[in-house]
Amino acid sequence: MQLVWRIYAVVYLVLFVAGLNPALHDVAHLSPINWIDMIIFMPIAVFGLWSSAYRHINLPKNGWKILLFISVFWRPITIGNALLFENAVPKYLGSVGTFTAGMRGDAATAVMLLALAGACLGGSLLVIPPLVALYRNAYGDESLLKLMSPGRVSPQQTAS
């Protein structure tokens, strides 16, 4: 599993660096949300992935917990911004529609559904692993269900 994290961390770093150059050339068209995401939260995701894969970045546990907390609440803002204000869905459907223009009805519908499923899977593969890496850095391999269970006894409660 560690090999998968390492490969993913390198691929994510390459995607971040490759996306940085076009974004910096189109500075005038970037929204404040995209700026904050590019300058603050993408590096946090890269550091979290890199630390989870290679264990080279040491922060206190509370530092990772704070980064996880703000990243979890920031991610829906960026996704909502892309969907609502940057017309990501109509642009994507338009490009898929031009591809399926010469197809018959059922084939075009099937390709459209496959393209939407691929977009959801691709988006999930870009959003969820950095959050999981931040979680692993903050809590180790402890299960989220264990952390949320009502029967969980904290070390402070057992000491008293």
C-alpha atoms as a PDB file:
ATOM      1  CA  MET A   1       0.000   0.000   0.000  1.00  0.00           C
ATOM      2  CA  GLN A   2       2.924   2.325   0.719  1.00  0.00           C
ATOM      3  CA  LEU A   3       4.018   2.002  -2.935  1.00  0.00           C
ATOM      4  CA  VAL A   4       0.584   3.212  -4.085  1.00  0.00           C
ATOM      5  CA  TRP A   5       0.866   6.277  -1.822  1.00  0.00           C
ATOM      6  CA  ARG A   6       4.337   7.007  -3.186  1.00  0.00           C
ATOM      7  CA  ILE A   7       3.247   6.739  -6.808  1.00  0.00           C
ATOM      8  CA  TYR A   8       0.178   8.858  -6.149  1.00  0.00           C
ATOM      9  CA  ALA A   9       2.227  11.514  -4.315  1.00  0.00           C
ATOM     10  CA  VAL A  10       4.640  11.818  -7.243  1.00  0.00           C
ATOM     11  CA  VAL A  11       1.794  11.947  -9.808  1.00  0.00           C
ATOM     12  CA  TYR A  12      -0.042  14.577  -7.737  1.00  0.00           C
ATOM     13  CA  LEU A  13       3.129  16.659  -7.453  1.00  0.00           C
ATOM     14  CA  VAL A  14       3.652  16.456 -11.233  1.00  0.00           C
ATOM     15  CA  LEU A  15       0.020  17.482 -11.859  1.00  0.00           C
ATOM     16  CA  PHE A  16       0.383  20.396  -9.440  1.00  0.00           C
ATOM     17  CA  VAL A  17       3.591  21.644 -11.068  1.00  0.00           C
ATOM     18  CA  ALA A  18       2.184  21.134 -14.583  1.00  0.00           C
ATOM     19  CA  GLY A  19      -0.985  23.043 -13.694  1.00  0.00           C
ATOM     20  CA  LEU A  20       0.911  25.868 -12.036  1.00  0.00           C
ATOM     21  CA  ASN A  21       2.448  27.232 -15.244  1.00  0.00           C
ATOM     22  CA  PRO A  22      -0.817  27.707 -17.209  1.00  0.00           C
ATOM     23  CA  ALA A  23      -2.523  29.121 -14.114  1.00  0.00           C
ATOM     24  CA  LEU A  24       0.214  31.713 -13.613  1.00  0.00           C
ATOM     25  CA  HIS A  25      -0.056  32.806 -17.257  1.00  0.00           C
ATOM     26  CA  ASP A  26      -3.815  33.310 -16.850  1.00  0.00           C
ATOM     27  CA  VAL A  27      -3.587  35.317 -13.628  1.00  0.00           C
ATOM     28  CA  ALA A  28      -6.173  37.902 -14.659  1.00  0.00           C
ATOM     29  CA  HIS A  29      -8.907  35.282 -15.037  1.00  0.00           C
ATOM     30  CA  LEU A  30      -8.361  33.479 -11.732  1.00  0.00           C
ATOM     31  CA  SER A  31     -10.956  34.022  -9.043  1.00  0.00           C
ATOM     32  CA  PRO A  32      -9.857  34.671  -5.448  1.00  0.00           C
ATOM     33  CA  ILE A  33     -11.007  31.153  -4.574  1.00  0.00           C
ATOM     34  CA  ASN A  34      -8.735  29.673  -7.244  1.00  0.00           C
ATOM     35  CA  TRP A  35      -5.834  31.813  -6.011  1.00  0.00           C
ATOM     36  CA  ILE A  36      -6.277  30.641  -2.431  1.00  0.00           C
ATOM     37  CA  ASP A  37      -6.609  27.052  -3.587  1.00  0.00           C
ATOM     38  CA  MET A  38      -3.507  27.250  -5.775  1.00  0.00           C
ATOM     39  CA  ILE A  39      -1.284  29.081  -3.299  1.00  0.00           C
ATOM     40  CA  ILE A  40      -2.392  27.540   0.015  1.00  0.00           C
ATOM     41  CA  PHE A  41      -4.434  24.375  -0.305  1.00  0.00           C
ATOM     42  CA  MET A  42      -2.750  22.607  -3.209  1.00  0.00           C
ATOM     43  CA  PRO A  43       0.636  22.780  -1.443  1.00  0.00           C
ATOM     44  CA  ILE A  44      -1.043  21.486   1.730  1.00  0.00           C
ATOM     45  CA  ALA A  45      -2.387  18.543  -0.278  1.00  0.00           C
ATOM     46  CA  VAL A  46       1.053  17.892  -1.806  1.00  0.00           C
ATOM     47  CA  PHE A  47       2.765  18.083   1.612  1.00  0.00           C
ATOM     48  CA  GLY A  48       0.153  15.810   3.154  1.00  0.00           C
ATOM     49  CA  LEU A  49       0.510  13.237   0.401  1.00  0.00           C
ATOM     50  CA  TRP A  50       4.295  13.447   0.463  1.00  0.00           C
ATOM     51  CA  SER A  51       4.395  13.022   4.225  1.00  0.00           C
ATOM     52  CA  SER A  52       1.969  10.117   4.121  1.00  0.00           C
ATOM     53  CA  ALA A  53       3.984   8.410   1.392  1.00  0.00           C
ATOM     54  CA  TYR A  54       7.554   9.125   2.499  1.00  0.00           C
ATOM     55  CA  ARG A  55       7.254  10.350   6.138  1.00  0.00           C
ATOM     56  CA  HIS A  56       9.659  13.232   5.468  1.00  0.00           C
ATOM     57  CA  ILE A  57       7.536  16.084   6.774  1.00  0.00           C
ATOM     58  CA  ASN A  58       7.106  16.145  10.504  1.00  0.00           C
ATOM     59  CA  LEU A  59       4.460  18.358  12.018  1.00  0.00           C
ATOM     60  CA  PRO A  60       2.875  18.010  15.426  1.00  0.00           C
ATOM     61  CA  LYS A  61      -0.302  15.917  15.381  1.00  0.00           C
ATOM     62  CA  ASN A  62      -2.366  19.011  16.123  1.00  0.00           C
ATOM     63  CA  GLY A  63      -0.801  20.742  13.106  1.00  0.00           C
ATOM     64  CA  TRP A  64      -1.970  17.931  10.815  1.00  0.00           C
ATOM     65  CA  LYS A  65      -5.398  18.008  12.490  1.00  0.00           C
ATOM     66  CA  ILE A  66      -5.746  21.744  11.813  1.00  0.00           C
ATOM     67  CA  LEU A  67      -4.667  21.282   8.170  1.00  0.00           C
ATOM     68  CA  LEU A  68      -7.167  18.442   7.808  1.00  0.00           C
ATOM     69  CA  PHE A  69      -9.951  20.505   9.353  1.00  0.00           C
ATOM     70  CA  ILE A  70      -9.455  23.531   7.101  1.00  0.00           C
ATOM     71  CA  SER A  71      -8.928  21.356   4.012  1.00  0.00           C
ATOM     72  CA  VAL A  72     -12.136  19.415   4.601  1.00  0.00           C
ATOM     73  CA  PHE A  73     -14.112  22.645   4.773  1.00  0.00           C
ATOM     74  CA  TRP A  74     -12.238  24.327   1.929  1.00  0.00           C
ATOM     75  CA  ARG A  75     -12.683  21.558  -0.646  1.00  0.00           C
ATOM     76  CA  PRO A  76     -16.490  22.000  -1.020  1.00  0.00           C
ATOM     77  CA  ILE A  77     -15.949  25.727  -1.556  1.00  0.00           C
ATOM     78  CA  THR A  78     -13.616  25.115  -4.496  1.00  0.00           C
ATOM     79  CA  ILE A  79     -15.847  22.424  -5.980  1.00  0.00           C
ATOM     80  CA  GLY A  80     -18.913  24.617  -5.598  1.00  0.00           C
ATOM     81  CA  ASN A  81     -17.073  27.535  -7.175  1.00  0.00           C
ATOM     82  CA  ALA A  82     -16.101  25.407 -10.176  1.00  0.00           C
ATOM     83  CA  LEU A  83     -19.609  24.029 -10.598  1.00  0.00           C
ATOM     84  CA  LEU A  84     -21.621  27.175  -9.952  1.00  0.00           C
ATOM     85  CA  PHE A  85     -19.529  30.090 -11.138  1.00  0.00           C
ATOM     86  CA  GLU A  86     -17.012  28.714 -13.613  1.00  0.00           C
ATOM     87  CA  ASN A  87     -19.540  26.693 -15.646  1.00  0.00           C
ATOM     88  CA  ALA A  88     -17.445  23.521 -15.388  1.00  0.00           C
ATOM     89  CA  VAL A  89     -20.374  21.181 -16.022  1.00  0.00           C
ATOM     90  CA  PRO A  90     -21.741  22.935 -19.142  1.00  0.00           C
ATOM     91  CA  LYS A  91     -18.202  23.183 -20.576  1.00  0.00           C
ATOM     92  CA  TYR A  92     -17.578  19.494 -19.953  1.00  0.00           C
ATOM     93  CA  LEU A  93     -20.947  18.423 -21.323  1.00  0.00           C
ATOM     94  CA  GLY A  94     -20.400  20.653 -24.364  1.00  0.00           C
ATOM     95  CA  SER A  95     -17.086  18.991 -25.161  1.00  0.00           C
ATOM     96  CA  VAL A  96     -18.603  15.521 -24.696  1.00  0.00           C
ATOM     97  CA  GLY A  97     -21.595  16.619 -26.806  1.00  0.00           C
ATOM     98  CA  THR A  98     -19.342  17.584 -29.707  1.00  0.00           C
ATOM     99  CA  PHE A  99     -17.709  14.164 -29.459  1.00  0.00           C
ATOM    100  CA  THR A 100     -21.054  12.341 -29.495  1.00  0.00           C
ATOM    101  CA  ALA A 101     -22.678  14.543 -32.161  1.00  0.00           C
ATOM    102  CA  GLY A 102     -22.276  11.959 -34.914  1.00  0.00           C
ATOM    103  CA  MET A 103     -23.536   9.014 -32.834  1.00  0.00           C
ATOM    104  CA  ARG A 104     -27.012   7.556 -32.647  1.00  0.00           C
ATOM    105  CA  GLY A 105     -29.225   8.223 -29.631  1.00  0.00           C
ATOM    106  CA  ASP A 106     -28.471   5.178 -27.460  1.00  0.00           C
ATOM    107  CA  ALA A 107     -24.735   5.211 -28.199  1.00  0.00           C
ATOM    108  CA  ALA A 108     -24.529   8.958 -27.510  1.00  0.00           C
ATOM    109  CA  THR A 109     -26.390   8.513 -24.216  1.00  0.00           C
ATOM    110  CA  ALA A 110     -24.118   5.650 -23.181  1.00  0.00           C
ATOM    111  CA  VAL A 111     -20.984   7.672 -24.008  1.00  0.00           C
ATOM    112  CA  MET A 112     -22.381  10.688 -22.138  1.00  0.00           C
ATOM    113  CA  LEU A 113     -23.090   8.572 -19.031  1.00  0.00           C
ATOM    114  CA  LEU A 114     -19.648   6.961 -19.199  1.00  0.00           C
ATOM    115  CA  ALA A 115     -18.041  10.396 -19.549  1.00  0.00           C
ATOM    116  CA  LEU A 116     -19.945  11.691 -16.492  1.00  0.00           C
ATOM    117  CA  ALA A 117     -19.010   8.601 -14.483  1.00  0.00           C
ATOM    118  CA  GLY A 118     -15.383   9.082 -15.549  1.00  0.00           C
ATOM    119  CA  ALA A 119     -15.479  12.738 -14.519  1.00  0.00           C
ATOM    120  CA  CYS A 120     -16.890  11.825 -11.088  1.00  0.00           C
ATOM    121  CA  LEU A 121     -14.272   9.101 -10.619  1.00  0.00           C
ATOM    122  CA  GLY A 122     -11.460  11.386 -11.775  1.00  0.00           C
ATOM    123  CA  GLY A 123     -12.610  14.191  -9.509  1.00  0.00           C
ATOM    124  CA  SER A 124     -12.837  11.794  -6.583  1.00  0.00           C
ATOM    125  CA  LEU A 125      -9.307  10.551  -7.248  1.00  0.00           C
ATOM    126  CA  LEU A 126      -8.036  14.126  -7.111  1.00  0.00           C
ATOM    127  CA  VAL A 127      -9.978  15.251  -4.028  1.00  0.00           C
ATOM    128  CA  ILE A 128     -10.266  12.290  -1.637  1.00  0.00           C
ATOM    129  CA  PRO A 129      -6.678  10.892  -1.425  1.00  0.00           C
ATOM    130  CA  PRO A 130      -5.100  14.153  -0.202  1.00  0.00           C
ATOM    131  CA  LEU A 131      -7.749  14.339   2.528  1.00  0.00           C
ATOM    132  CA  VAL A 132      -7.099  10.706   3.463  1.00  0.00           C
ATOM    133  CA  ALA A 133      -3.359  11.452   3.589  1.00  0.00           C
ATOM    134  CA  LEU A 134      -3.953  14.404   5.905  1.00  0.00           C
ATOM    135  CA  TYR A 135      -6.166  12.181   8.056  1.00  0.00           C
ATOM    136  CA  ARG A 136      -3.462   9.500   8.219  1.00  0.00           C
ATOM    137  CA  ASN A 137      -0.878  12.110   9.218  1.00  0.00           C
ATOM    138  CA  ALA A 138      -3.152  13.471  11.946  1.00  0.00           C
ATOM    139  CA  TYR A 139      -4.575  10.249  13.368  1.00  0.00           C
ATOM    140  CA  GLY A 140      -2.300   7.487  12.089  1.00  0.00           C
ATOM    141  CA  ASP A 141      -4.097   4.390  10.930  1.00  0.00           C
ATOM    142  CA  GLU A 142      -6.856   4.751  13.510  1.00  0.00           C
ATOM    143  CA  SER A 143     -10.271   4.198  11.981  1.00  0.00           C
ATOM    144  CA  LEU A 144     -12.572   7.176  11.625  1.00  0.00           C
ATOM    145  CA  LEU A 145     -15.394   5.022  12.968  1.00  0.00           C
ATOM    146  CA  LYS A 146     -13.382   4.362  16.125  1.00  0.00           C
ATOM    147  CA  LEU A 147     -12.814   8.083  16.603  1.00  0.00           C
ATOM    148  CA  MET A 148     -16.525   8.836  16.253  1.00  0.00           C
ATOM    149  CA  SER A 149     -17.910   5.940  18.280  1.00  0.00           C
ATOM    150  CA  PRO A 150     -19.773   6.953  21.461  1.00  0.00           C
ATOM    151  CA  GLY A 151     -18.155   4.149  23.467  1.00  0.00           C
ATOM    152  CA  ARG A 152     -14.641   5.461  22.812  1.00  0.00           C
ATOM    153  CA  VAL A 153     -12.795   6.269  26.012  1.00  0.00           C
ATOM    154  CA  SER A 154     -10.153   8.958  25.752  1.00  0.00           C
ATOM    155  CA  PRO A 155      -6.831   8.537  27.583  1.00  0.00           C
ATOM    156  CA  GLN A 156      -7.731  11.520  29.813  1.00  0.00           C
ATOM    157  CA  GLN A 157     -10.898   9.779  31.032  1.00  0.00           C
ATOM    158  CA  THR A 158      -9.064   6.559  31.925  1.00  0.00           C
ATOM    159  CA  ALA A 159      -6.349   8.431  33.876  1.00  0.00           C
ATOM    160  CA  SER A 160      -8.819   9.984  36.297  1.00  0.00           C
END
